[in-house]
Amino acid sequence: HWHSPQFHAYFPTGNSYPSILADMLSDAIGCIGFTWIASPACTEL
């Protein structure tokens, strides 16, 4: 349990609800942004 307050190993690994929500949206959009035209918002953001 990396996000337990009793976990003190290695270095932190990030976790927050806003980030989880963003990953949900990223998974739903599902673009593969290798070029600008593949999804302009992906590159420009």
ModelCIF file with pLDDT and N, C-alpha, C, O atoms, coordinates in Angstrom:
data_MODEL
#
_entry.id   MODEL 
#
_entity.id                         1 
_entity.type                       polymer 
_entity.pdbx_number_of_molecules   1 
#
_entity_poly.entity_id                      1 
_entity_poly.type                           'polypeptide(L)' 
_entity_poly.nstd_linkage                   no 
_entity_poly.nstd_monomer                   no 
_entity_poly.pdbx_seq_one_letter_code       HWHSPQFHAYFPTGNSYPSILADMLSDAIGCIGFTWIASPACTEL 
_entity_poly.pdbx_seq_one_letter_code_can   HWHSPQFHAYFPTGNSYPSILADMLSDAIGCIGFTWIASPACTEL 
_entity_poly.pdbx_strand_id                 A 
#
loop_
_entity_poly_seq.entity_id 
_entity_poly_seq.num 
_entity_poly_seq.mon_id 
_entity_poly_seq.hetero 
1 1  HIS n 
1 2  TRP n 
1 3  HIS n 
1 4  SER n 
1 5  PRO n 
1 6  GLN n 
1 7  PHE n 
1 8  HIS n 
1 9  ALA n 
1 10 TYR n 
1 11 PHE n 
1 12 PRO n 
1 13 THR n 
1 14 GLY n 
1 15 ASN n 
1 16 SER n 
1 17 TYR n 
1 18 PRO n 
1 19 SER n 
1 20 ILE n 
1 21 LEU n 
1 22 ALA n 
1 23 ASP n 
1 24 MET n 
1 25 LEU n 
1 26 SER n 
1 27 ASP n 
1 28 ALA n 
1 29 ILE n 
1 30 GLY n 
1 31 CYS n 
1 32 ILE n 
1 33 GLY n 
1 34 PHE n 
1 35 THR n 
1 36 TRP n 
1 37 ILE n 
1 38 ALA n 
1 39 SER n 
1 40 PRO n 
1 41 ALA n 
1 42 CYS n 
1 43 THR n 
1 44 GLU n 
1 45 LEU n 
#
_struct_asym.id          A 
_struct_asym.entity_id   1 
#
loop_
_ma_qa_metric.id 
_ma_qa_metric.mode 
_ma_qa_metric.name 
_ma_qa_metric.software_group_id 
_ma_qa_metric.type 
1 global pLDDT . pLDDT 
2 local  pLDDT . pLDDT 
#
_ma_qa_metric_global.metric_id      1 
_ma_qa_metric_global.metric_value   90.82 
_ma_qa_metric_global.model_id       1 
_ma_qa_metric_global.ordinal_id     1 
#
loop_
_ma_qa_metric_local.label_asym_id 
_ma_qa_metric_local.label_comp_id 
_ma_qa_metric_local.label_seq_id 
_ma_qa_metric_local.metric_id 
_ma_qa_metric_local.metric_value 
_ma_qa_metric_local.model_id 
_ma_qa_metric_local.ordinal_id 
A HIS 1  2 95.00 1 1  
A TRP 2  2 95.00 1 2  
A HIS 3  2 95.00 1 3  
A SER 4  2 95.00 1 4  
A PRO 5  2 95.00 1 5  
A GLN 6  2 95.00 1 6  
A PHE 7  2 94.00 1 7  
A HIS 8  2 95.00 1 8  
A ALA 9  2 93.00 1 9  
A TYR 10 2 90.00 1 10 
A PHE 11 2 92.00 1 11 
A PRO 12 2 91.00 1 12 
A THR 13 2 91.00 1 13 
A GLY 14 2 91.00 1 14 
A ASN 15 2 93.00 1 15 
A SER 16 2 95.00 1 16 
A TYR 17 2 94.00 1 17 
A PRO 18 2 95.00 1 18 
A SER 19 2 96.00 1 19 
A ILE 20 2 95.00 1 20 
A LEU 21 2 95.00 1 21 
A ALA 22 2 95.00 1 22 
A ASP 23 2 94.00 1 23 
A MET 24 2 94.00 1 24 
A LEU 25 2 94.00 1 25 
A SER 26 2 93.00 1 26 
A ASP 27 2 92.00 1 27 
A ALA 28 2 92.00 1 28 
A ILE 29 2 90.00 1 29 
A GLY 30 2 89.00 1 30 
A CYS 31 2 85.00 1 31 
A ILE 32 2 86.00 1 32 
A GLY 33 2 83.00 1 33 
A PHE 34 2 80.00 1 34 
A THR 35 2 82.00 1 35 
A TRP 36 2 76.00 1 36 
A ILE 37 2 82.00 1 37 
A ALA 38 2 85.00 1 38 
A SER 39 2 86.00 1 39 
A PRO 40 2 88.00 1 40 
A ALA 41 2 90.00 1 41 
A CYS 42 2 86.00 1 42 
A THR 43 2 90.00 1 43 
A GLU 44 2 91.00 1 44 
A LEU 45 2 94.00 1 45 
#
loop_
_atom_site.group_PDB 
_atom_site.id 
_atom_site.type_symbol 
_atom_site.label_atom_id 
_atom_site.label_alt_id 
_atom_site.label_comp_id 
_atom_site.label_asym_id 
_atom_site.label_entity_id 
_atom_site.label_seq_id 
_atom_site.pdbx_PDB_ins_code 
_atom_site.Cartn_x 
_atom_site.Cartn_y 
_atom_site.Cartn_z 
_atom_site.occupancy 
_atom_site.B_iso_or_equiv 
_atom_site.pdbx_formal_charge 
_atom_site.auth_seq_id 
_atom_site.auth_comp_id 
_atom_site.auth_asym_id 
_atom_site.auth_atom_id 
_atom_site.pdbx_PDB_model_num 
ATOM 1   N N  . HIS A 1 1  ? 0.837   -1.205 0.000   1.00 95.00 ? 1  HIS A N  1 
ATOM 2   C CA . HIS A 1 1  ? 0.000   0.000  0.000   1.00 95.00 ? 1  HIS A CA 1 
ATOM 3   C C  . HIS A 1 1  ? 0.875   1.260  0.000   1.00 95.00 ? 1  HIS A C  1 
ATOM 4   O O  . HIS A 1 1  ? 1.187   1.830  1.046   1.00 95.00 ? 1  HIS A O  1 
ATOM 5   N N  . TRP A 1 2  ? 1.253   1.666  -1.205  1.00 95.00 ? 2  TRP A N  1 
ATOM 6   C CA . TRP A 1 2  ? 2.165   2.795  -1.400  1.00 95.00 ? 2  TRP A CA 1 
ATOM 7   C C  . TRP A 1 2  ? 1.608   4.102  -0.856  1.00 95.00 ? 2  TRP A C  1 
ATOM 8   O O  . TRP A 1 2  ? 2.375   5.005  -0.522  1.00 95.00 ? 2  TRP A O  1 
ATOM 9   N N  . HIS A 1 3  ? 0.303   4.218  -0.763  1.00 95.00 ? 3  HIS A N  1 
ATOM 10  C CA . HIS A 1 3  ? -0.283  5.476  -0.312  1.00 95.00 ? 3  HIS A CA 1 
ATOM 11  C C  . HIS A 1 3  ? -0.720  5.429  1.149   1.00 95.00 ? 3  HIS A C  1 
ATOM 12  O O  . HIS A 1 3  ? -1.430  6.311  1.632   1.00 95.00 ? 3  HIS A O  1 
ATOM 13  N N  . SER A 1 4  ? -0.282  4.388  1.834   1.00 95.00 ? 4  SER A N  1 
ATOM 14  C CA . SER A 1 4  ? -0.496  4.326  3.282   1.00 95.00 ? 4  SER A CA 1 
ATOM 15  C C  . SER A 1 4  ? 0.424   5.325  3.984   1.00 95.00 ? 4  SER A C  1 
ATOM 16  O O  . SER A 1 4  ? 1.583   5.468  3.596   1.00 95.00 ? 4  SER A O  1 
ATOM 17  N N  . PRO A 1 5  ? -0.074  6.015  5.008   1.00 95.00 ? 5  PRO A N  1 
ATOM 18  C CA . PRO A 1 5  ? 0.806   6.893  5.787   1.00 95.00 ? 5  PRO A CA 1 
ATOM 19  C C  . PRO A 1 5  ? 1.918   6.145  6.514   1.00 95.00 ? 5  PRO A C  1 
ATOM 20  O O  . PRO A 1 5  ? 2.846   6.759  7.042   1.00 95.00 ? 5  PRO A O  1 
ATOM 21  N N  . GLN A 1 6  ? 1.820   4.809  6.538   1.00 95.00 ? 6  GLN A N  1 
ATOM 22  C CA . GLN A 1 6  ? 2.887   4.002  7.137   1.00 95.00 ? 6  GLN A CA 1 
ATOM 23  C C  . GLN A 1 6  ? 3.910   3.513  6.092   1.00 95.00 ? 6  GLN A C  1 
ATOM 24  O O  . GLN A 1 6  ? 4.849   2.789  6.425   1.00 95.00 ? 6  GLN A O  1 
ATOM 25  N N  . PHE A 1 7  ? 3.717   3.912  4.845   1.00 94.00 ? 7  PHE A N  1 
ATOM 26  C CA . PHE A 1 7  ? 4.666   3.564  3.781   1.00 94.00 ? 7  PHE A CA 1 
ATOM 27  C C  . PHE A 1 7  ? 5.737   4.645  3.735   1.00 94.00 ? 7  PHE A C  1 
ATOM 28  O O  . PHE A 1 7  ? 5.442   5.803  3.441   1.00 94.00 ? 7  PHE A O  1 
ATOM 29  N N  . HIS A 1 8  ? 6.992   4.265  4.027   1.00 95.00 ? 8  HIS A N  1 
ATOM 30  C CA . HIS A 1 8  ? 8.096   5.222  4.076   1.00 95.00 ? 8  HIS A CA 1 
ATOM 31  C C  . HIS A 1 8  ? 9.288   4.743  3.243   1.00 95.00 ? 8  HIS A C  1 
ATOM 32  O O  . HIS A 1 8  ? 10.431  5.097  3.532   1.00 95.00 ? 8  HIS A O  1 
ATOM 33  N N  . ALA A 1 9  ? 9.021   3.944  2.217   1.00 93.00 ? 9  ALA A N  1 
ATOM 34  C CA . ALA A 1 9  ? 10.092  3.366  1.405   1.00 93.00 ? 9  ALA A CA 1 
ATOM 35  C C  . ALA A 1 9  ? 10.302  4.170  0.124   1.00 93.00 ? 9  ALA A C  1 
ATOM 36  O O  . ALA A 1 9  ? 9.439   4.938  -0.301  1.00 93.00 ? 9  ALA A O  1 
ATOM 37  N N  . TYR A 1 10 ? 11.472  3.971  -0.476  1.00 90.00 ? 10 TYR A N  1 
ATOM 38  C CA . TYR A 1 10 ? 11.802  4.574  -1.772  1.00 90.00 ? 10 TYR A CA 1 
ATOM 39  C C  . TYR A 1 10 ? 11.610  6.094  -1.704  1.00 90.00 ? 10 TYR A C  1 
ATOM 40  O O  . TYR A 1 10 ? 12.137  6.749  -0.804  1.00 90.00 ? 10 TYR A O  1 
ATOM 41  N N  . PHE A 1 11 ? 10.853  6.652  -2.658  1.00 92.00 ? 11 PHE A N  1 
ATOM 42  C CA . PHE A 1 11 ? 10.408  8.037  -2.638  1.00 92.00 ? 11 PHE A CA 1 
ATOM 43  C C  . PHE A 1 11 ? 8.901   8.034  -2.865  1.00 92.00 ? 11 PHE A C  1 
ATOM 44  O O  . PHE A 1 11 ? 8.350   6.990  -3.214  1.00 92.00 ? 11 PHE A O  1 
ATOM 45  N N  . PRO A 1 12 ? 8.216   9.154  -2.683  1.00 91.00 ? 12 PRO A N  1 
ATOM 46  C CA . PRO A 1 12 ? 6.761   9.156  -2.867  1.00 91.00 ? 12 PRO A CA 1 
ATOM 47  C C  . PRO A 1 12 ? 6.362   8.802  -4.290  1.00 91.00 ? 12 PRO A C  1 
ATOM 48  O O  . PRO A 1 12 ? 7.132   8.988  -5.232  1.00 91.00 ? 12 PRO A O  1 
ATOM 49  N N  . THR A 1 13 ? 5.153   8.292  -4.431  1.00 91.00 ? 13 THR A N  1 
ATOM 50  C CA . THR A 1 13 ? 4.520   8.175  -5.740  1.00 91.00 ? 13 THR A CA 1 
ATOM 51  C C  . THR A 1 13 ? 3.212   8.944  -5.664  1.00 91.00 ? 13 THR A C  1 
ATOM 52  O O  . THR A 1 13 ? 2.426   8.757  -4.735  1.00 91.00 ? 13 THR A O  1 
ATOM 53  N N  . GLY A 1 14 ? 2.982   9.810  -6.645  1.00 91.00 ? 14 GLY A N  1 
ATOM 54  C CA . GLY A 1 14 ? 1.885   10.758 -6.570  1.00 91.00 ? 14 GLY A CA 1 
ATOM 55  C C  . GLY A 1 14 ? 0.512   10.113 -6.607  1.00 91.00 ? 14 GLY A C  1 
ATOM 56  O O  . GLY A 1 14 ? 0.316   9.045  -7.188  1.00 91.00 ? 14 GLY A O  1 
ATOM 57  N N  . ASN A 1 15 ? -0.444  10.799 -5.962  1.00 93.00 ? 15 ASN A N  1 
ATOM 58  C CA . ASN A 1 15 ? -1.816  10.308 -5.955  1.00 93.00 ? 15 ASN A CA 1 
ATOM 59  C C  . ASN A 1 15 ? -2.731  11.445 -5.524  1.00 93.00 ? 15 ASN A C  1 
ATOM 60  O O  . ASN A 1 15 ? -2.494  12.089 -4.503  1.00 93.00 ? 15 ASN A O  1 
ATOM 61  N N  . SER A 1 16 ? -3.771  11.687 -6.301  1.00 95.00 ? 16 SER A N  1 
ATOM 62  C CA . SER A 1 16 ? -4.795  12.658 -5.908  1.00 95.00 ? 16 SER A CA 1 
ATOM 63  C C  . SER A 1 16 ? -6.043  12.399 -6.746  1.00 95.00 ? 16 SER A C  1 
ATOM 64  O O  . SER A 1 16 ? -5.969  11.838 -7.840  1.00 95.00 ? 16 SER A O  1 
ATOM 65  N N  . TYR A 1 17 ? -7.163  12.808 -6.223  1.00 94.00 ? 17 TYR A N  1 
ATOM 66  C CA . TYR A 1 17 ? -8.411  12.603 -6.951  1.00 94.00 ? 17 TYR A CA 1 
ATOM 67  C C  . TYR A 1 17 ? -8.463  13.380 -8.273  1.00 94.00 ? 17 TYR A C  1 
ATOM 68  O O  . TYR A 1 17 ? -8.942  12.833 -9.267  1.00 94.00 ? 17 TYR A O  1 
ATOM 69  N N  . PRO A 1 18 ? -7.990  14.630 -8.326  1.00 95.00 ? 18 PRO A N  1 
ATOM 70  C CA . PRO A 1 18 ? -7.979  15.303 -9.628  1.00 95.00 ? 18 PRO A CA 1 
ATOM 71  C C  . PRO A 1 18 ? -7.185  14.546 -10.687 1.00 95.00 ? 18 PRO A C  1 
ATOM 72  O O  . PRO A 1 18 ? -7.587  14.495 -11.849 1.00 95.00 ? 18 PRO A O  1 
ATOM 73  N N  . SER A 1 19 ? -6.058  13.957 -10.287 1.00 96.00 ? 19 SER A N  1 
ATOM 74  C CA . SER A 1 19 ? -5.244  13.216 -11.230 1.00 96.00 ? 19 SER A CA 1 
ATOM 75  C C  . SER A 1 19 ? -5.950  11.939 -11.692 1.00 96.00 ? 19 SER A C  1 
ATOM 76  O O  . SER A 1 19 ? -5.880  11.574 -12.865 1.00 96.00 ? 19 SER A O  1 
ATOM 77  N N  . ILE A 1 20 ? -6.625  11.270 -10.767 1.00 95.00 ? 20 ILE A N  1 
ATOM 78  C CA . ILE A 1 20 ? -7.375  10.067 -11.130 1.00 95.00 ? 20 ILE A CA 1 
ATOM 79  C C  . ILE A 1 20 ? -8.478  10.416 -12.122 1.00 95.00 ? 20 ILE A C  1 
ATOM 80  O O  . ILE A 1 20 ? -8.696  9.689  -13.091 1.00 95.00 ? 20 ILE A O  1 
ATOM 81  N N  . LEU A 1 21 ? -9.174  11.524 -11.884 1.00 95.00 ? 21 LEU A N  1 
ATOM 82  C CA . LEU A 1 21 ? -10.228 11.965 -12.794 1.00 95.00 ? 21 LEU A CA 1 
ATOM 83  C C  . LEU A 1 21 ? -9.665  12.265 -14.183 1.00 95.00 ? 21 LEU A C  1 
ATOM 84  O O  . LEU A 1 21 ? -10.282 11.933 -15.195 1.00 95.00 ? 21 LEU A O  1 
ATOM 85  N N  . ALA A 1 22 ? -8.494  12.894 -14.222 1.00 95.00 ? 22 ALA A N  1 
ATOM 86  C CA . ALA A 1 22 ? -7.870  13.206 -15.514 1.00 95.00 ? 22 ALA A CA 1 
ATOM 87  C C  . ALA A 1 22 ? -7.514  11.943 -16.269 1.00 95.00 ? 22 ALA A C  1 
ATOM 88  O O  . ALA A 1 22 ? -7.674  11.882 -17.488 1.00 95.00 ? 22 ALA A O  1 
ATOM 89  N N  . ASP A 1 23 ? -7.029  10.926 -15.556 1.00 94.00 ? 23 ASP A N  1 
ATOM 90  C CA . ASP A 1 23 ? -6.719  9.654  -16.218 1.00 94.00 ? 23 ASP A CA 1 
ATOM 91  C C  . ASP A 1 23 ? -7.985  9.001  -16.769 1.00 94.00 ? 23 ASP A C  1 
ATOM 92  O O  . ASP A 1 23 ? -7.949  8.362  -17.821 1.00 94.00 ? 23 ASP A O  1 
ATOM 93  N N  . MET A 1 24 ? -9.087  9.159  -16.070 1.00 94.00 ? 24 MET A N  1 
ATOM 94  C CA . MET A 1 24 ? -10.354 8.617  -16.581 1.00 94.00 ? 24 MET A CA 1 
ATOM 95  C C  . MET A 1 24 ? -10.713 9.269  -17.914 1.00 94.00 ? 24 MET A C  1 
ATOM 96  O O  . MET A 1 24 ? -11.107 8.587  -18.859 1.00 94.00 ? 24 MET A O  1 
ATOM 97  N N  . LEU A 1 25 ? -10.575 10.587 -17.983 1.00 94.00 ? 25 LEU A N  1 
ATOM 98  C CA . LEU A 1 25 ? -10.890 11.294 -19.223 1.00 94.00 ? 25 LEU A CA 1 
ATOM 99  C C  . LEU A 1 25 ? -9.915  10.915 -20.332 1.00 94.00 ? 25 LEU A C  1 
ATOM 100 O O  . LEU A 1 25 ? -10.315 10.721 -21.480 1.00 94.00 ? 25 LEU A O  1 
ATOM 101 N N  . SER A 1 26 ? -8.628  10.810 -19.983 1.00 93.00 ? 26 SER A N  1 
ATOM 102 C CA . SER A 1 26 ? -7.622  10.405 -20.964 1.00 93.00 ? 26 SER A CA 1 
ATOM 103 C C  . SER A 1 26 ? -7.949  9.029  -21.532 1.00 93.00 ? 26 SER A C  1 
ATOM 104 O O  . SER A 1 26 ? -7.842  8.807  -22.738 1.00 93.00 ? 26 SER A O  1 
ATOM 105 N N  . ASP A 1 27 ? -8.350  8.102  -20.654 1.00 92.00 ? 27 ASP A N  1 
ATOM 106 C CA . ASP A 1 27 ? -8.689  6.751  -21.108 1.00 92.00 ? 27 ASP A CA 1 
ATOM 107 C C  . ASP A 1 27 ? -9.928  6.769  -21.992 1.00 92.00 ? 27 ASP A C  1 
ATOM 108 O O  . ASP A 1 27 ? -10.024 5.997  -22.946 1.00 92.00 ? 27 ASP A O  1 
ATOM 109 N N  . ALA A 1 28 ? -10.879 7.651  -21.677 1.00 92.00 ? 28 ALA A N  1 
ATOM 110 C CA . ALA A 1 28 ? -12.106 7.714  -22.479 1.00 92.00 ? 28 ALA A CA 1 
ATOM 111 C C  . ALA A 1 28 ? -11.840 8.300  -23.858 1.00 92.00 ? 28 ALA A C  1 
ATOM 112 O O  . ALA A 1 28 ? -12.347 7.791  -24.857 1.00 92.00 ? 28 ALA A O  1 
ATOM 113 N N  . ILE A 1 29 ? -11.039 9.377  -23.918 1.00 90.00 ? 29 ILE A N  1 
ATOM 114 C CA . ILE A 1 29 ? -10.697 9.971  -25.207 1.00 90.00 ? 29 ILE A CA 1 
ATOM 115 C C  . ILE A 1 29 ? -9.868  8.988  -26.030 1.00 90.00 ? 29 ILE A C  1 
ATOM 116 O O  . ILE A 1 29 ? -10.100 8.804  -27.225 1.00 90.00 ? 29 ILE A O  1 
ATOM 117 N N  . GLY A 1 30 ? -8.901  8.364  -25.368 1.00 89.00 ? 30 GLY A N  1 
ATOM 118 C CA . GLY A 1 30 ? -8.167  7.253  -25.974 1.00 89.00 ? 30 GLY A CA 1 
ATOM 119 C C  . GLY A 1 30 ? -7.343  7.605  -27.199 1.00 89.00 ? 30 GLY A C  1 
ATOM 120 O O  . GLY A 1 30 ? -7.117  6.744  -28.049 1.00 89.00 ? 30 GLY A O  1 
ATOM 121 N N  . CYS A 1 31 ? -6.888  8.845  -27.313 1.00 85.00 ? 31 CYS A N  1 
ATOM 122 C CA . CYS A 1 31 ? -6.078  9.214  -28.474 1.00 85.00 ? 31 CYS A CA 1 
ATOM 123 C C  . CYS A 1 31 ? -4.641  8.727  -28.309 1.00 85.00 ? 31 CYS A C  1 
ATOM 124 O O  . CYS A 1 31 ? -4.188  8.481  -27.192 1.00 85.00 ? 31 CYS A O  1 
ATOM 125 N N  . ILE A 1 32 ? -3.938  8.592  -29.409 1.00 86.00 ? 32 ILE A N  1 
ATOM 126 C CA . ILE A 1 32 ? -2.524  8.228  -29.420 1.00 86.00 ? 32 ILE A CA 1 
ATOM 127 C C  . ILE A 1 32 ? -1.786  9.423  -30.037 1.00 86.00 ? 32 ILE A C  1 
ATOM 128 O O  . ILE A 1 32 ? -1.620  9.499  -31.254 1.00 86.00 ? 32 ILE A O  1 
ATOM 129 N N  . GLY A 1 33 ? -1.352  10.342 -29.192 1.00 83.00 ? 33 GLY A N  1 
ATOM 130 C CA . GLY A 1 33 ? -0.939  11.654 -29.674 1.00 83.00 ? 33 GLY A CA 1 
ATOM 131 C C  . GLY A 1 33 ? 0.469   11.757 -30.206 1.00 83.00 ? 33 GLY A C  1 
ATOM 132 O O  . GLY A 1 33 ? 1.255   12.569 -29.718 1.00 83.00 ? 33 GLY A O  1 
ATOM 133 N N  . PHE A 1 34 ? 0.808   10.943 -31.209 1.00 80.00 ? 34 PHE A N  1 
ATOM 134 C CA . PHE A 1 34 ? 2.181   10.981 -31.720 1.00 80.00 ? 34 PHE A CA 1 
ATOM 135 C C  . PHE A 1 34 ? 2.445   12.171 -32.634 1.00 80.00 ? 34 PHE A C  1 
ATOM 136 O O  . PHE A 1 34 ? 3.594   12.586 -32.786 1.00 80.00 ? 34 PHE A O  1 
ATOM 137 N N  . THR A 1 35 ? 1.394   12.729 -33.249 1.00 82.00 ? 35 THR A N  1 
ATOM 138 C CA . THR A 1 35 ? 1.548   13.937 -34.064 1.00 82.00 ? 35 THR A CA 1 
ATOM 139 C C  . THR A 1 35 ? 0.504   14.958 -33.629 1.00 82.00 ? 35 THR A C  1 
ATOM 140 O O  . THR A 1 35 ? -0.440  14.636 -32.908 1.00 82.00 ? 35 THR A O  1 
ATOM 141 N N  . TRP A 1 36 ? 0.690   16.184 -34.078 1.00 76.00 ? 36 TRP A N  1 
ATOM 142 C CA . TRP A 1 36 ? -0.293  17.228 -33.766 1.00 76.00 ? 36 TRP A CA 1 
ATOM 143 C C  . TRP A 1 36 ? -1.657  16.849 -34.326 1.00 76.00 ? 36 TRP A C  1 
ATOM 144 O O  . TRP A 1 36 ? -2.663  16.960 -33.625 1.00 76.00 ? 36 TRP A O  1 
ATOM 145 N N  . ILE A 1 37 ? -1.705  16.408 -35.570 1.00 82.00 ? 37 ILE A N  1 
ATOM 146 C CA . ILE A 1 37 ? -2.982  16.135 -36.212 1.00 82.00 ? 37 ILE A CA 1 
ATOM 147 C C  . ILE A 1 37 ? -3.669  14.915 -35.609 1.00 82.00 ? 37 ILE A C  1 
ATOM 148 O O  . ILE A 1 37 ? -4.886  14.771 -35.734 1.00 82.00 ? 37 ILE A O  1 
ATOM 149 N N  . ALA A 1 38 ? -2.907  14.030 -34.954 1.00 85.00 ? 38 ALA A N  1 
ATOM 150 C CA . ALA A 1 38 ? -3.511  12.852 -34.328 1.00 85.00 ? 38 ALA A CA 1 
ATOM 151 C C  . ALA A 1 38 ? -4.474  13.247 -33.221 1.00 85.00 ? 38 ALA A C  1 
ATOM 152 O O  . ALA A 1 38 ? -5.400  12.497 -32.913 1.00 85.00 ? 38 ALA A O  1 
ATOM 153 N N  . SER A 1 39 ? -4.270  14.403 -32.621 1.00 86.00 ? 39 SER A N  1 
ATOM 154 C CA . SER A 1 39 ? -5.188  14.983 -31.638 1.00 86.00 ? 39 SER A CA 1 
ATOM 155 C C  . SER A 1 39 ? -4.599  16.317 -31.205 1.00 86.00 ? 39 SER A C  1 
ATOM 156 O O  . SER A 1 39 ? -3.828  16.366 -30.247 1.00 86.00 ? 39 SER A O  1 
ATOM 157 N N  . PRO A 1 40 ? -4.946  17.395 -31.890 1.00 88.00 ? 40 PRO A N  1 
ATOM 158 C CA . PRO A 1 40 ? -4.332  18.700 -31.615 1.00 88.00 ? 40 PRO A CA 1 
ATOM 159 C C  . PRO A 1 40 ? -4.367  19.114 -30.147 1.00 88.00 ? 40 PRO A C  1 
ATOM 160 O O  . PRO A 1 40 ? -3.392  19.671 -29.644 1.00 88.00 ? 40 PRO A O  1 
ATOM 161 N N  . ALA A 1 41 ? -5.475  18.852 -29.451 1.00 90.00 ? 41 ALA A N  1 
ATOM 162 C CA . ALA A 1 41 ? -5.554  19.242 -28.044 1.00 90.00 ? 41 ALA A CA 1 
ATOM 163 C C  . ALA A 1 41 ? -4.510  18.524 -27.199 1.00 90.00 ? 41 ALA A C  1 
ATOM 164 O O  . ALA A 1 41 ? -3.977  19.093 -26.246 1.00 90.00 ? 41 ALA A O  1 
ATOM 165 N N  . CYS A 1 42 ? -4.218  17.271 -27.549 1.00 86.00 ? 42 CYS A N  1 
ATOM 166 C CA . CYS A 1 42 ? -3.240  16.480 -26.793 1.00 86.00 ? 42 CYS A CA 1 
ATOM 167 C C  . CYS A 1 42 ? -1.871  17.135 -26.851 1.00 86.00 ? 42 CYS A C  1 
ATOM 168 O O  . CYS A 1 42 ? -1.186  17.242 -25.833 1.00 86.00 ? 42 CYS A O  1 
ATOM 169 N N  . THR A 1 43 ? -1.468  17.575 -28.043 1.00 90.00 ? 43 THR A N  1 
ATOM 170 C CA . THR A 1 43 ? -0.168  18.228 -28.201 1.00 90.00 ? 43 THR A CA 1 
ATOM 171 C C  . THR A 1 43 ? -0.176  19.626 -27.602 1.00 90.00 ? 43 THR A C  1 
ATOM 172 O O  . THR A 1 43 ? 0.730   19.982 -26.848 1.00 90.00 ? 43 THR A O  1 
ATOM 173 N N  . GLU A 1 44 ? -1.181  20.415 -27.927 1.00 91.00 ? 44 GLU A N  1 
ATOM 174 C CA . GLU A 1 44 ? -1.150  21.827 -27.546 1.00 91.00 ? 44 GLU A CA 1 
ATOM 175 C C  . GLU A 1 44 ? -1.315  22.024 -26.039 1.00 91.00 ? 44 GLU A C  1 
ATOM 176 O O  . GLU A 1 44 ? -0.711  22.934 -25.470 1.00 91.00 ? 44 GLU A O  1 
ATOM 177 N N  . LEU A 1 45 ? -2.122  21.188 -25.387 1.00 94.00 ? 45 LEU A N  1 
ATOM 178 C CA . LEU A 1 45 ? -2.231  21.304 -23.934 1.00 94.00 ? 45 LEU A CA 1 
ATOM 179 C C  . LEU A 1 45 ? -0.905  20.955 -23.272 1.00 94.00 ? 45 LEU A C  1 
ATOM 180 O O  . LEU A 1 45 ? -0.798  20.994 -22.046 1.00 94.00 ? 45 LEU A O  1 
#
